[in-house]
Amino acid sequence: MKKATYLLALMLVFLPAIASAQFTINTPVDRSELGVWGEINSIAIQGDYAYVTDGKVGLHVVDITDPAMITEVGSFRTDGFSGKVVVEGDYAYVANTKRGLQVVDISDPESPSLTSEVTLNPEANDIAISGDYAYISGETGSLDIVNILEPDNPVHISSTVGYGAISSLKVDGDYVYLSGSSTLNEEDTQKGICIIDVSDPASPNQAADLFMGMPDVDVDIDVMDGFVYMGYGSDLMIVDVRNPNMPIGIFSMLSTFSVADIIFQDNYAFVVDLGGLMVLDIANPDRPVEAESFDTDVNYSQGAEVAVSGDYAYITDPYFGLKVVDISTLREDDREEDGQNGLSVRPDDAAELRTATLNAYPNPFNPLLTAAINLPDQSELRISLFNQLGQEVAVLADGSYSAGEQSFTLNASHMATGNYYLRAVGTGGQLAALYGRGRITRICLGSHRRNHVDS
C-alpha cells in the first residue's frame, strides 16, 4: 500500500497520465575544444552567445548560433576564481573570489574588456541582478548590494554578514533568497533558505528562514511566482513563500541523484542532478509533474549548471565541460492547442483536487504541542516527532482515523530543549496521492524552566 508523508499546508492531487518528451543530445564539447583550461563554473546565455566562466582563465564567449558546432570567439582573463556570471545588455557581471564584482563590456563579443569592478568581502561566489541592483553572496555568509545603474561606475550600497555558508542566491521582488547552512552550535548544522527583505537596499533585514536537517551537500534554489524550489541531496523541496515572512514547506519529491542546479523557463523547471537532466512541468508550481528524466551519460558534480535558450539546454560541469541537449520536443508540445499531447496540466485537466492540512501549535511550544490534521477520507495515520538526528522520539497518532478534523497532543516535559520535526504518514484513499516525501517546518521546544517561550 502506498504511503504519503505530509508537510504543513500540503496539497494532494491526482493527475492524469502525462506524455513523455523525447530528447536527443549533441556531441559533448570538451573543455579543450573551448579553450577552457580550468573548472567550468557558470553559464549565461544572451542571443547567439553563451558566456562561460572557469576557475583559471575567467570569462569565455562562445558562439552558439549552431548548437551542434559551438565555438569560442573571445575571452577575458580575470584575476582570481570566477564564479557565477549574469548577462544584462552589453555587460557581463561576474562574481570573483578575489576581485569581488567585475563588470565586463561584451558589446563586442570577440573582444570583451573590463569596465569596472567593486572590491567586496572575500569568496564572492554568486550573483543575481534585479532592476538597478546587483546582489552578491559570499561563501562565508555575506550579502553585498551594488547599484549598477551606471555600469562604468557601480556604487556599493551595503554589506551584511552572518547568513551562514551560502551556496546559492536568487532575488524576486523585494526579497533575496539565500540557500546554504546555518550552524546553530558546534554539533548542529542545518540546511535550508534565508529570506532577506531588500526593499531598502541600504538596510537589508532578515525576514524569515526555513532550516532543517539535510544531507551535508550544497543547496541550490530558484524562485518563481511565490514558490522556491530547493534541491538538497536527492530531494527536491518546494517552499511556499507567497508570504515571505512565513515560508512553508509544502511538497517534496525524490530526484534520481543529488540535485546540482535548478532553473525556471516558461512552464518548466530544469533540474540537473548527478545523473543528468530532469524536466518538471510547473504549470501549477505547487504541484510539479515530472515530464522527463534524461540520462546524459555524465555523472555531473555539485558544480554543474544549466541554461536554456530556444530548443536547447546547455549543461556545464567543472570536470566534463559543456553538453547541449535538444529540447525541441518540449516546445512542440507547448504548441499543441488541445493539450492532449503536451506536458502542461491545467487545473481543468486534473481530477478533483482535495487537500489535507497538518498544523502544529504553538510553535515554539513548552511543554504541550497540538498537531491537527484534516483527513479527506478514512485512513491509517501515524504522526511522529523526530529529533535533529532523524530519530523518532515520540508518536502522537498511530491507527485508523475517520475523515475530518483530528487533533493529537504531546506532553514534551521529559524531552530536551531544541528543534524537532513533525511528520505525518498516511495510507489509503486520497492519502496515497502524494508524490515523493517531505517533512514540515521546524518545531521548537523551549526551556522547561520558563513559563513561556521566547520566539
Protein backbone atom coordinates (compact mmCIF):
# COMPACT_ATOMS: atom_id res chain seq x y z
CA MET A 1 0.00 0.00 0.00
CA LYS A 2 1.30 3.44 -0.85
CA LYS A 3 2.26 5.83 1.88
CA ALA A 4 2.08 9.59 1.92
CA THR A 5 4.08 11.96 4.08
CA TYR A 6 2.57 15.34 4.89
CA LEU A 7 4.05 18.79 5.09
CA LEU A 8 2.49 21.86 6.62
CA ALA A 9 -0.33 23.03 4.28
CA LEU A 10 0.30 20.07 1.98
CA MET A 11 -1.57 19.91 -1.31
CA LEU A 12 -2.55 16.45 -2.59
CA VAL A 13 -3.61 15.88 -6.17
CA PHE A 14 -4.40 13.10 -8.64
CA LEU A 15 -3.12 13.83 -12.13
CA PRO A 16 -3.78 12.11 -15.45
CA ALA A 17 -1.06 10.33 -17.41
CA ILE A 18 1.48 12.63 -19.00
CA ALA A 19 3.02 12.23 -22.43
CA SER A 20 6.82 11.97 -22.26
CA ALA A 21 9.11 14.17 -24.31
CA GLN A 22 11.94 12.58 -26.26
CA PHE A 23 15.37 14.16 -26.14
CA THR A 24 18.44 13.93 -28.32
CA ILE A 25 21.84 15.05 -27.20
CA ASN A 26 24.56 16.56 -29.31
CA THR A 27 28.20 15.56 -29.16
CA PRO A 28 29.73 16.76 -25.89
CA VAL A 29 32.07 19.71 -26.20
CA ASP A 30 35.30 19.08 -24.33
CA ARG A 31 36.86 21.90 -22.33
CA SER A 32 39.95 21.84 -24.54
CA GLU A 33 37.81 22.44 -27.63
CA LEU A 34 36.51 25.62 -26.00
CA GLY A 35 39.93 26.75 -24.86
CA VAL A 36 38.73 26.41 -21.26
CA TRP A 37 41.58 25.14 -19.10
CA GLY A 38 40.11 25.48 -15.62
CA GLU A 39 37.00 24.12 -14.00
CA ILE A 40 33.84 25.44 -15.68
CA ASN A 41 31.68 27.16 -13.07
CA SER A 42 28.78 29.06 -14.64
CA ILE A 43 26.95 29.82 -17.88
CA ALA A 44 24.66 32.62 -19.05
CA ILE A 45 23.09 32.95 -22.50
CA GLN A 46 22.08 36.04 -24.43
CA GLY A 47 21.22 35.97 -28.11
CA ASP A 48 23.68 33.90 -30.14
CA TYR A 49 26.30 33.75 -27.40
CA ALA A 50 26.93 31.79 -24.23
CA TYR A 51 29.12 33.34 -21.55
CA VAL A 52 31.04 30.76 -19.54
CA THR A 53 33.29 31.27 -16.51
CA ASP A 54 36.05 28.97 -15.37
CA GLY A 55 38.48 28.83 -12.48
CA LYS A 56 41.64 29.68 -14.39
CA VAL A 57 41.09 31.94 -17.39
CA GLY A 58 37.94 33.81 -16.38
CA LEU A 59 35.19 34.64 -18.88
CA HIS A 60 34.75 32.90 -22.25
CA VAL A 61 32.40 33.96 -25.05
CA VAL A 62 31.01 31.05 -27.08
CA ASP A 63 29.10 31.30 -30.35
CA ILE A 64 26.05 29.01 -30.16
CA THR A 65 24.46 30.01 -33.47
CA ASP A 66 24.81 26.36 -34.48
CA PRO A 67 24.40 24.36 -31.25
CA ALA A 68 25.96 21.33 -32.92
CA MET A 69 29.19 23.24 -33.65
CA ILE A 70 29.74 25.79 -30.91
CA THR A 71 33.00 27.73 -30.96
CA GLU A 72 34.80 30.12 -28.65
CA VAL A 73 35.14 33.60 -30.16
CA GLY A 74 36.55 35.66 -27.30
CA SER A 75 37.69 35.64 -23.68
CA PHE A 76 38.59 37.91 -20.79
CA ARG A 77 41.23 36.86 -18.28
CA THR A 78 40.27 37.66 -14.71
CA ASP A 79 42.46 37.79 -11.63
CA GLY A 80 41.01 35.24 -9.23
CA PHE A 81 38.47 32.44 -9.33
CA SER A 82 35.43 33.44 -11.40
CA GLY A 83 32.11 32.07 -10.16
CA LYS A 84 28.59 32.97 -11.20
CA VAL A 85 28.05 35.10 -14.33
CA VAL A 86 24.90 37.10 -15.20
CA VAL A 87 24.43 38.95 -18.50
CA GLU A 88 22.39 42.14 -18.88
CA GLY A 89 22.53 44.12 -22.13
CA ASP A 90 26.11 44.95 -23.10
CA TYR A 91 27.60 43.76 -19.82
CA ALA A 92 28.51 40.53 -18.07
CA TYR A 93 28.59 40.68 -14.28
CA VAL A 94 30.98 38.19 -12.70
CA ALA A 95 31.33 37.20 -9.03
CA ASN A 96 35.05 36.77 -8.43
CA THR A 97 36.50 35.31 -5.24
CA LYS A 98 39.46 37.70 -5.31
CA ARG A 99 38.19 40.81 -7.08
CA GLY A 100 34.56 40.89 -5.90
CA LEU A 101 32.18 42.15 -8.61
CA GLN A 102 33.64 42.54 -12.10
CA VAL A 103 31.68 44.29 -14.86
CA VAL A 104 32.81 43.20 -18.33
CA ASP A 105 31.85 45.01 -21.54
CA ILE A 106 30.63 42.40 -24.06
CA SER A 107 29.29 44.79 -26.70
CA ASP A 108 31.97 43.26 -28.94
CA PRO A 109 31.76 39.54 -28.12
CA GLU A 110 35.11 38.87 -29.75
CA SER A 111 36.88 41.40 -27.55
CA PRO A 112 35.36 41.57 -24.04
CA SER A 113 37.02 44.09 -21.73
CA LEU A 114 36.83 45.12 -18.09
CA THR A 115 34.58 48.13 -17.49
CA SER A 116 34.72 48.37 -13.69
CA GLU A 117 34.95 46.34 -10.52
CA VAL A 118 33.93 46.63 -6.89
CA THR A 119 36.05 45.06 -4.16
CA LEU A 120 33.81 43.05 -1.82
CA ASN A 121 34.11 40.57 1.01
CA PRO A 122 36.29 37.59 0.06
CA GLU A 123 34.89 34.44 -1.52
CA ALA A 124 32.17 36.09 -3.65
CA ASN A 125 30.54 33.14 -5.35
CA ASP A 126 27.05 34.02 -6.62
CA ILE A 127 25.26 37.00 -8.12
CA ALA A 128 21.73 37.97 -9.14
CA ILE A 129 20.50 41.19 -10.76
CA SER A 130 17.16 42.90 -10.32
CA GLY A 131 16.47 46.39 -11.63
CA ASP A 132 19.35 48.74 -10.82
CA TYR A 133 20.96 46.47 -8.25
CA ALA A 134 23.34 43.52 -8.20
CA TYR A 135 23.18 41.18 -5.21
CA ILE A 136 26.38 39.25 -4.48
CA SER A 137 26.79 36.50 -1.91
CA GLY A 138 29.94 35.10 -0.36
CA GLU A 139 30.55 31.53 0.72
CA THR A 140 31.34 32.78 4.24
CA GLY A 141 27.86 34.27 4.72
CA SER A 142 27.98 37.79 3.29
CA LEU A 143 25.45 39.67 1.15
CA ASP A 144 26.58 42.77 -0.76
CA ILE A 145 24.29 45.10 -2.70
CA VAL A 146 25.69 47.24 -5.51
CA ASN A 147 23.93 49.89 -7.58
CA ILE A 148 24.72 49.18 -11.25
CA LEU A 149 22.60 51.90 -12.84
CA GLU A 150 25.88 53.14 -14.35
CA PRO A 151 27.90 50.00 -15.17
CA ASP A 152 31.10 52.00 -15.54
CA ASN A 153 30.61 53.48 -12.07
CA PRO A 154 28.94 50.91 -9.79
CA VAL A 155 28.24 52.07 -6.22
CA HIS A 156 28.49 49.74 -3.23
CA ILE A 157 25.32 50.26 -1.18
CA SER A 158 25.51 47.83 1.75
CA SER A 159 27.20 44.76 3.13
CA THR A 160 25.81 42.36 5.73
CA VAL A 161 27.21 39.15 7.18
CA GLY A 162 26.10 36.27 9.36
CA TYR A 163 23.95 34.26 6.94
CA GLY A 164 25.93 31.03 7.27
CA ALA A 165 27.66 29.22 4.42
CA ILE A 166 25.83 30.37 1.27
CA SER A 167 25.67 28.10 -1.77
CA SER A 168 23.04 29.85 -3.92
CA LEU A 169 21.33 33.24 -4.28
CA LYS A 170 18.14 34.32 -6.05
CA VAL A 171 16.15 37.58 -5.99
CA ASP A 172 12.42 38.09 -6.50
CA GLY A 173 10.82 41.49 -6.00
CA ASP A 174 11.83 42.99 -2.65
CA TYR A 175 13.37 39.76 -1.33
CA VAL A 176 16.65 37.94 -1.68
CA TYR A 177 16.65 34.18 -1.11
CA LEU A 178 19.87 32.60 0.14
CA SER A 179 20.40 28.86 0.40
CA GLY A 180 23.06 27.17 2.46
CA SER A 181 23.73 26.17 6.03
CA SER A 182 23.15 27.69 9.45
CA THR A 183 25.36 26.46 12.29
CA LEU A 184 23.31 26.58 15.49
CA ASN A 185 26.16 25.13 17.57
CA GLU A 186 29.28 23.06 17.06
CA GLU A 187 27.29 19.87 16.52
CA ASP A 188 24.17 21.19 14.79
CA THR A 189 24.43 22.42 11.21
CA GLN A 190 21.12 22.93 9.39
CA LYS A 191 20.44 23.34 5.67
CA GLY A 192 17.75 25.49 4.11
CA ILE A 193 16.93 29.03 3.00
CA CYS A 194 17.22 32.51 4.49
CA ILE A 195 14.91 35.28 3.20
CA ILE A 196 16.20 38.87 3.23
CA ASP A 197 13.99 41.95 2.81
CA VAL A 198 15.88 44.31 0.47
CA SER A 199 13.10 46.85 -0.11
CA ASP A 200 15.63 49.31 1.37
CA PRO A 201 18.92 48.23 -0.27
CA ALA A 202 20.90 50.33 2.19
CA SER A 203 19.44 48.41 5.14
CA PRO A 204 18.57 44.78 4.31
CA ASN A 205 16.79 42.84 7.06
CA GLN A 206 16.20 39.16 7.54
CA ALA A 207 12.51 38.39 7.08
CA ALA A 208 12.46 34.67 7.84
CA ASP A 209 14.31 31.41 7.44
CA LEU A 210 13.50 27.75 6.98
CA PHE A 211 16.25 25.38 8.06
CA MET A 212 16.02 21.64 8.64
CA GLY A 213 18.11 18.51 8.89
CA MET A 214 19.53 17.78 5.44
CA PRO A 215 22.46 15.90 3.92
CA ASP A 216 25.78 17.73 4.06
CA VAL A 217 25.60 18.94 0.45
CA ASP A 218 25.15 22.26 -1.30
CA VAL A 219 21.58 23.51 -1.56
CA ASP A 220 20.53 25.08 -4.87
CA ILE A 221 17.35 27.13 -5.32
CA ASP A 222 15.25 29.07 -7.78
CA VAL A 223 12.14 31.15 -7.10
CA MET A 224 9.07 31.94 -9.20
CA ASP A 225 5.52 33.13 -8.52
CA GLY A 226 5.80 32.81 -4.76
CA PHE A 227 7.41 29.36 -4.69
CA VAL A 228 11.01 28.35 -4.02
CA TYR A 229 12.31 25.11 -5.48
CA MET A 230 15.12 23.85 -3.28
CA GLY A 231 17.38 20.94 -4.22
CA TYR A 232 19.23 19.19 -1.43
CA GLY A 233 20.78 15.75 -1.67
CA SER A 234 18.42 13.51 -3.62
CA ASP A 235 15.36 15.58 -2.71
CA LEU A 236 13.64 18.49 -4.39
CA MET A 237 11.53 20.51 -1.95
CA ILE A 238 9.00 23.23 -2.71
CA VAL A 239 8.55 26.08 -0.26
CA ASP A 240 5.57 28.42 -0.36
CA VAL A 241 6.93 31.98 0.03
CA ARG A 242 3.88 33.92 -1.09
CA ASN A 243 4.19 35.36 2.40
CA PRO A 244 7.98 35.75 2.59
CA ASN A 245 7.75 36.31 6.33
CA MET A 246 6.30 32.83 6.82
CA PRO A 247 7.84 30.22 4.47
CA ILE A 248 6.09 26.85 4.49
CA GLY A 249 7.40 23.59 3.09
CA ILE A 250 4.56 22.10 1.06
CA PHE A 251 5.91 19.42 -1.24
CA SER A 252 8.91 17.14 -1.64
CA MET A 253 9.82 14.70 -4.37
CA LEU A 254 12.77 12.43 -4.98
CA SER A 255 15.30 13.28 -7.65
CA THR A 256 17.25 10.37 -9.09
CA PHE A 257 20.59 11.68 -7.86
CA SER A 258 21.91 14.65 -5.91
CA VAL A 259 20.49 17.93 -7.26
CA ALA A 260 23.13 20.35 -8.59
CA ASP A 261 21.17 23.16 -10.29
CA ILE A 262 17.59 24.34 -10.82
CA ILE A 263 16.29 26.98 -13.24
CA PHE A 264 12.84 28.03 -14.42
CA GLN A 265 11.99 28.53 -18.08
CA ASP A 266 8.42 29.15 -19.21
CA ASN A 267 6.28 26.44 -17.57
CA TYR A 268 9.20 24.14 -16.82
CA ALA A 269 11.81 23.60 -14.15
CA PHE A 270 15.07 22.20 -15.47
CA VAL A 271 16.89 20.22 -12.80
CA VAL A 272 20.44 18.99 -13.23
CA ASP A 273 21.40 16.15 -10.93
CA LEU A 274 24.34 13.80 -10.82
CA GLY A 275 22.58 11.52 -13.29
CA GLY A 276 21.58 14.02 -15.97
CA LEU A 277 18.68 16.35 -16.73
CA MET A 278 15.16 16.18 -15.29
CA VAL A 279 12.37 18.40 -16.63
CA LEU A 280 9.34 19.20 -14.49
CA ASP A 281 6.08 20.69 -15.70
CA ILE A 282 5.28 23.53 -13.28
CA ALA A 283 2.17 24.98 -14.89
CA ASN A 284 0.87 24.52 -11.34
CA PRO A 285 4.02 25.47 -9.41
CA ASP A 286 2.88 23.92 -6.13
CA ARG A 287 2.16 20.59 -7.86
CA PRO A 288 5.02 19.77 -10.26
CA VAL A 289 4.80 16.84 -12.65
CA GLU A 290 7.89 15.04 -13.89
CA ALA A 291 7.89 15.38 -17.67
CA GLU A 292 11.09 13.51 -18.45
CA SER A 293 14.34 12.36 -16.93
CA PHE A 294 17.17 12.17 -19.43
CA ASP A 295 20.45 10.35 -18.92
CA THR A 296 23.24 12.45 -20.42
CA ASP A 297 25.86 9.74 -19.81
CA VAL A 298 27.72 12.02 -17.43
CA ASN A 299 27.79 11.88 -13.63
CA TYR A 300 27.52 15.60 -13.02
CA SER A 301 29.12 17.12 -9.93
CA GLN A 302 27.61 19.53 -7.42
CA GLY A 303 29.10 22.36 -9.51
CA ALA A 304 27.02 21.60 -12.62
CA GLU A 305 24.80 24.36 -14.03
CA VAL A 306 22.15 24.58 -16.75
CA ALA A 307 20.97 27.38 -19.04
CA VAL A 308 18.15 27.17 -21.60
CA SER A 309 17.81 29.02 -24.90
CA GLY A 310 15.25 28.19 -27.56
CA ASP A 311 15.21 24.48 -28.31
CA TYR A 312 18.39 23.66 -26.38
CA ALA A 313 19.58 23.21 -22.82
CA TYR A 314 23.26 23.84 -22.13
CA ILE A 315 24.78 21.97 -19.18
CA THR A 316 28.19 22.91 -17.83
CA ASP A 317 30.23 20.85 -15.39
CA PRO A 318 33.58 21.62 -13.74
CA TYR A 319 35.00 18.30 -14.95
CA PHE A 320 33.13 17.38 -18.13
CA GLY A 321 32.88 20.67 -19.98
CA LEU A 322 29.69 21.55 -21.86
CA LYS A 323 26.87 19.39 -23.19
CA VAL A 324 23.98 20.51 -25.39
CA VAL A 325 20.57 18.84 -25.08
CA ASP A 326 17.90 19.16 -27.76
CA ILE A 327 14.59 20.00 -26.04
CA SER A 328 12.63 20.88 -29.18
CA THR A 329 10.03 18.22 -28.35
CA LEU A 330 9.02 20.23 -25.28
CA ARG A 331 8.48 23.30 -27.43
CA GLU A 332 6.44 21.33 -29.94
CA ASP A 333 4.23 20.02 -27.15
CA ASP A 334 3.72 23.57 -25.90
CA ARG A 335 2.28 24.47 -29.29
CA GLU A 336 -0.37 21.72 -29.15
CA GLU A 337 -3.58 23.68 -28.77
CA ASP A 338 -5.69 20.81 -27.44
CA GLY A 339 -3.13 19.94 -24.78
CA GLN A 340 -3.71 16.19 -25.22
CA ASN A 341 -0.12 15.52 -26.29
CA GLY A 342 1.51 18.27 -24.27
CA LEU A 343 3.21 18.25 -20.91
CA SER A 344 1.31 21.09 -19.26
CA VAL A 345 -1.52 20.07 -16.96
CA ARG A 346 -4.09 22.76 -16.31
CA PRO A 347 -6.50 22.69 -13.38
CA ASP A 348 -9.40 21.78 -15.65
CA ASP A 349 -7.49 18.72 -16.89
CA ALA A 350 -6.86 17.31 -13.43
CA ALA A 351 -9.12 15.15 -11.34
CA GLU A 352 -10.87 16.56 -8.31
CA LEU A 353 -8.37 18.36 -6.08
CA ARG A 354 -8.63 17.63 -2.37
CA THR A 355 -6.37 18.87 0.37
CA ALA A 356 -5.07 17.71 3.73
CA THR A 357 -3.60 20.28 6.08
CA LEU A 358 -1.32 19.47 9.02
CA ASN A 359 -0.96 22.18 11.66
CA ALA A 360 1.23 22.22 14.77
CA TYR A 361 0.81 24.77 17.53
CA PRO A 362 2.02 26.59 19.47
CA ASN A 363 5.42 26.89 17.86
CA PRO A 364 7.63 27.28 19.84
CA PHE A 365 5.90 25.02 22.39
CA ASN A 366 6.51 24.18 26.05
CA PRO A 367 5.68 21.57 27.08
CA LEU A 368 2.39 20.82 25.23
CA LEU A 369 2.21 20.52 21.44
CA THR A 370 -1.01 20.02 19.49
CA ALA A 371 -1.00 18.50 16.00
CA ALA A 372 -4.19 18.82 13.96
CA ILE A 373 -4.83 17.27 10.56
CA ASN A 374 -7.83 17.41 8.25
CA LEU A 375 -8.22 13.98 6.65
CA PRO A 376 -10.03 13.83 3.27
CA ASP A 377 -11.23 10.27 3.99
CA GLN A 378 -10.83 7.43 6.49
CA SER A 379 -7.16 6.49 6.67
CA GLU A 380 -4.42 4.79 8.57
CA LEU A 381 -2.34 7.57 10.09
CA ARG A 382 0.91 7.87 12.01
CA ILE A 383 2.19 11.22 13.30
CA SER A 384 5.71 11.16 14.71
CA LEU A 385 8.20 13.60 16.18
CA PHE A 386 11.85 13.38 15.11
CA ASN A 387 14.98 14.92 16.57
CA GLN A 388 17.86 16.57 14.68
CA LEU A 389 19.46 13.17 14.03
CA GLY A 390 16.33 11.87 12.32
CA GLN A 391 15.43 9.60 15.23
CA GLU A 392 11.78 9.10 16.10
CA VAL A 393 11.38 10.31 19.69
CA ALA A 394 7.60 10.42 20.11
CA VAL A 395 4.42 9.16 18.42
CA LEU A 396 1.31 11.34 18.58
CA ALA A 397 -1.00 9.16 16.47
CA ASP A 398 -0.89 5.60 15.15
CA GLY A 399 -4.08 3.94 13.96
CA SER A 400 -7.16 4.25 11.78
CA TYR A 401 -8.99 7.57 11.83
CA SER A 402 -12.19 8.79 10.20
CA ALA A 403 -12.43 11.64 7.72
CA GLY A 404 -12.45 15.16 9.10
CA GLU A 405 -10.51 17.14 11.66
CA GLN A 406 -8.34 15.08 14.02
CA SER A 407 -6.14 16.52 16.76
CA PHE A 408 -3.45 14.98 18.97
CA THR A 409 -1.48 16.30 21.95
CA LEU A 410 2.11 15.66 23.03
CA ASN A 411 3.48 16.38 26.50
CA ALA A 412 7.19 17.05 25.97
CA SER A 413 8.08 17.79 29.56
CA HIS A 414 10.54 14.86 29.51
CA MET A 415 12.29 16.00 26.33
CA ALA A 416 15.34 18.20 25.85
CA THR A 417 15.05 21.77 24.63
CA GLY A 418 15.79 22.07 20.91
CA ASN A 419 14.46 21.74 17.39
CA TYR A 420 12.30 18.85 16.20
CA TYR A 421 10.40 17.79 13.07
CA LEU A 422 6.82 16.59 12.93
CA ARG A 423 5.86 14.09 10.22
CA ALA A 424 2.51 12.55 9.27
CA VAL A 425 2.35 9.38 7.18
CA GLY A 426 -0.98 8.05 5.89
CA THR A 427 -2.20 5.20 3.71
CA GLY A 428 -5.28 4.58 1.61
CA GLY A 429 -7.60 6.73 -0.48
CA GLN A 430 -6.60 10.34 -1.06
CA LEU A 431 -3.63 9.93 1.27
CA ALA A 432 -1.83 7.86 -1.36
CA ALA A 433 -1.88 10.71 -3.88
CA LEU A 434 1.31 12.42 -2.71
CA TYR A 435 4.34 12.19 -4.96
CA GLY A 436 7.57 11.64 -3.03
CA ARG A 437 8.07 12.51 0.61
CA GLY A 438 8.64 15.52 2.84
CA ARG A 439 8.71 16.99 6.32
CA ILE A 440 7.18 20.04 7.90
CA THR A 441 8.78 23.22 9.12
CA ARG A 442 10.91 23.13 12.25
CA ILE A 443 9.19 22.72 15.62
CA CYS A 444 10.98 24.33 18.56
CA LEU A 445 10.73 23.12 22.18
CA GLY A 446 11.64 25.88 24.61
CA SER A 447 13.28 25.70 28.02
CA HIS A 448 11.24 23.93 30.69
CA ARG A 449 12.40 26.44 33.28
CA ARG A 450 10.25 29.18 31.80
CA ASN A 451 6.52 29.70 31.92
CA HIS A 452 6.61 30.94 28.33
CA VAL A 453 8.85 30.56 25.31
CA ASP A 454 10.51 33.44 23.50
CA SER A 455 10.26 33.32 19.73
